[in-house]
Amino acid sequence: MDVTYYGYPKCTTCKKAEKWLKENDISYAAANIAEEPPSAGELRQMVETSGLPLKKFFNTSGQKYRELGLKDKLPAMSEDEQLALLASEGMLIKRPLVTDGEKTTVGFAEQTFEDTWKS
């Protein structure tokens, strides 16, 4: 299973997720979400494989989200526009983002990681 982990080095939640992956012997390729955000196409696939709505991929508590006033703008944007926006600015993406192409998790909840990545 080739797992890709998108995180941010200064993010404490990301550090917890990365520690969990290591402790559970799950090998992964790490990418800094701020420097190497996934493309719009990759994000579209992750949304599909996560079973979550696209809005769950936005880091709504992030500074960039507030700066851009996205709370009010997102409802009027198309899915393609939202995906392009996420792909253009990695700090808008809720992190960590973990995927193997067939499954995707957004954020870190230990039980979700247990259920998703230990099988």
Protein backbone atom coordinates (compact mmCIF):
# COMPACT_ATOMS: atom_id res chain seq x y z
CA MET A 1 0.00 0.00 0.00
CA ASP A 2 1.56 3.29 -1.10
CA VAL A 3 0.38 5.91 1.35
CA THR A 4 0.94 9.62 0.81
CA TYR A 5 0.84 11.88 3.84
CA TYR A 6 0.31 15.62 3.33
CA GLY A 7 1.13 17.57 6.45
CA TYR A 8 2.68 20.76 7.73
CA PRO A 9 5.84 20.51 9.88
CA LYS A 10 4.66 23.04 12.51
CA CYS A 11 1.19 21.49 12.87
CA THR A 12 0.79 19.57 16.16
CA THR A 13 -2.09 17.49 14.78
CA CYS A 14 0.09 16.51 11.83
CA LYS A 15 2.88 15.47 14.20
CA LYS A 16 0.43 13.22 16.09
CA ALA A 17 -0.75 11.64 12.83
CA GLU A 18 2.79 11.07 11.61
CA LYS A 19 3.75 9.54 14.97
CA TRP A 20 0.74 7.21 14.72
CA LEU A 21 1.73 6.10 11.21
CA LYS A 22 5.29 5.36 12.37
CA GLU A 23 4.17 3.51 15.51
CA ASN A 24 1.87 1.34 13.41
CA ASP A 25 4.57 0.55 10.82
CA ILE A 26 2.72 2.18 7.96
CA SER A 27 5.23 3.34 5.39
CA TYR A 28 4.38 6.58 3.66
CA ALA A 29 5.75 9.30 1.46
CA ALA A 30 5.55 12.67 3.20
CA ALA A 31 4.78 15.95 1.45
CA ASN A 32 4.72 19.44 2.94
CA ILE A 33 1.19 20.58 2.15
CA ALA A 34 2.26 24.24 2.03
CA GLU A 35 5.03 23.60 -0.51
CA GLU A 36 3.60 20.65 -2.46
CA PRO A 37 -0.20 20.73 -2.27
CA PRO A 38 -2.05 18.03 -4.22
CA SER A 39 -3.36 19.04 -7.64
CA ALA A 40 -7.03 19.73 -8.28
CA GLY A 41 -7.29 16.30 -9.96
CA GLU A 42 -5.66 14.55 -7.01
CA LEU A 43 -7.95 16.43 -4.63
CA ARG A 44 -11.01 15.43 -6.65
CA GLN A 45 -10.00 11.77 -6.32
CA MET A 46 -9.37 12.21 -2.57
CA VAL A 47 -12.81 13.75 -2.08
CA GLU A 48 -14.35 10.78 -3.90
CA THR A 49 -12.38 8.18 -1.93
CA SER A 50 -12.94 9.88 1.42
CA GLY A 51 -16.73 9.77 1.27
CA LEU A 52 -16.71 13.31 2.68
CA PRO A 53 -18.18 16.47 1.18
CA LEU A 54 -15.65 18.85 -0.41
CA LYS A 55 -16.23 21.48 2.30
CA LYS A 56 -14.61 19.10 4.83
CA PHE A 57 -11.30 19.54 2.97
CA PHE A 58 -11.11 23.23 3.87
CA ASN A 59 -9.10 24.28 6.91
CA THR A 60 -11.86 26.54 8.25
CA SER A 61 -9.86 27.48 11.34
CA GLY A 62 -6.84 28.60 9.32
CA GLN A 63 -5.65 32.16 8.94
CA LYS A 64 -5.71 31.99 5.12
CA TYR A 65 -9.35 30.84 5.12
CA ARG A 66 -10.34 33.86 7.23
CA GLU A 67 -8.15 36.28 5.24
CA LEU A 68 -9.87 35.29 2.01
CA GLY A 69 -13.34 35.47 3.55
CA LEU A 70 -14.12 31.97 2.28
CA LYS A 71 -16.94 31.35 4.74
CA ASP A 72 -19.08 33.69 2.64
CA LYS A 73 -17.53 32.95 -0.78
CA LEU A 74 -17.48 29.12 -0.86
CA PRO A 75 -21.24 28.56 -1.24
CA ALA A 76 -21.23 30.55 -4.50
CA MET A 77 -18.19 28.75 -5.94
CA SER A 78 -18.40 25.71 -8.19
CA GLU A 79 -16.72 22.45 -7.17
CA ASP A 80 -14.04 23.01 -9.84
CA GLU A 81 -13.34 26.51 -8.48
CA GLN A 82 -13.08 25.17 -4.94
CA LEU A 83 -10.70 22.39 -6.00
CA ALA A 84 -8.54 24.85 -7.96
CA LEU A 85 -8.40 27.14 -4.92
CA LEU A 86 -7.33 24.29 -2.62
CA ALA A 87 -4.69 23.15 -5.11
CA SER A 88 -3.29 26.67 -5.39
CA GLU A 89 -2.92 27.22 -1.63
CA GLY A 90 -1.99 24.22 0.49
CA MET A 91 -2.63 26.06 3.75
CA LEU A 92 -6.34 26.10 2.89
CA ILE A 93 -6.44 22.30 3.06
CA LYS A 94 -7.42 20.63 6.32
CA ARG A 95 -4.48 18.59 7.43
CA PRO A 96 -3.14 16.05 7.66
CA LEU A 97 -4.41 14.53 4.47
CA VAL A 98 -3.56 10.83 4.05
CA THR A 99 -4.38 8.76 0.98
CA ASP A 100 -3.44 5.57 -0.79
CA GLY A 101 -5.53 6.25 -3.89
CA GLU A 102 -8.39 4.06 -2.64
CA LYS A 103 -8.99 5.58 0.79
CA THR A 104 -8.47 9.09 2.14
CA THR A 105 -8.59 10.55 5.64
CA VAL A 106 -8.78 14.25 6.46
CA GLY A 107 -7.50 15.50 9.80
CA PHE A 108 -6.40 13.16 12.56
CA ALA A 109 -8.68 11.09 14.73
CA GLU A 110 -6.98 8.04 16.16
CA GLN A 111 -10.05 5.82 15.75
CA THR A 112 -10.43 6.85 12.10
CA PHE A 113 -6.78 6.05 11.47
CA GLU A 114 -7.19 2.67 13.23
CA ASP A 115 -10.24 1.84 11.09
CA THR A 116 -8.76 3.12 7.83
CA TRP A 117 -5.03 2.43 7.85
CA LYS A 118 -4.64 -0.70 9.97
CA SER A 119 -6.71 -2.97 7.77
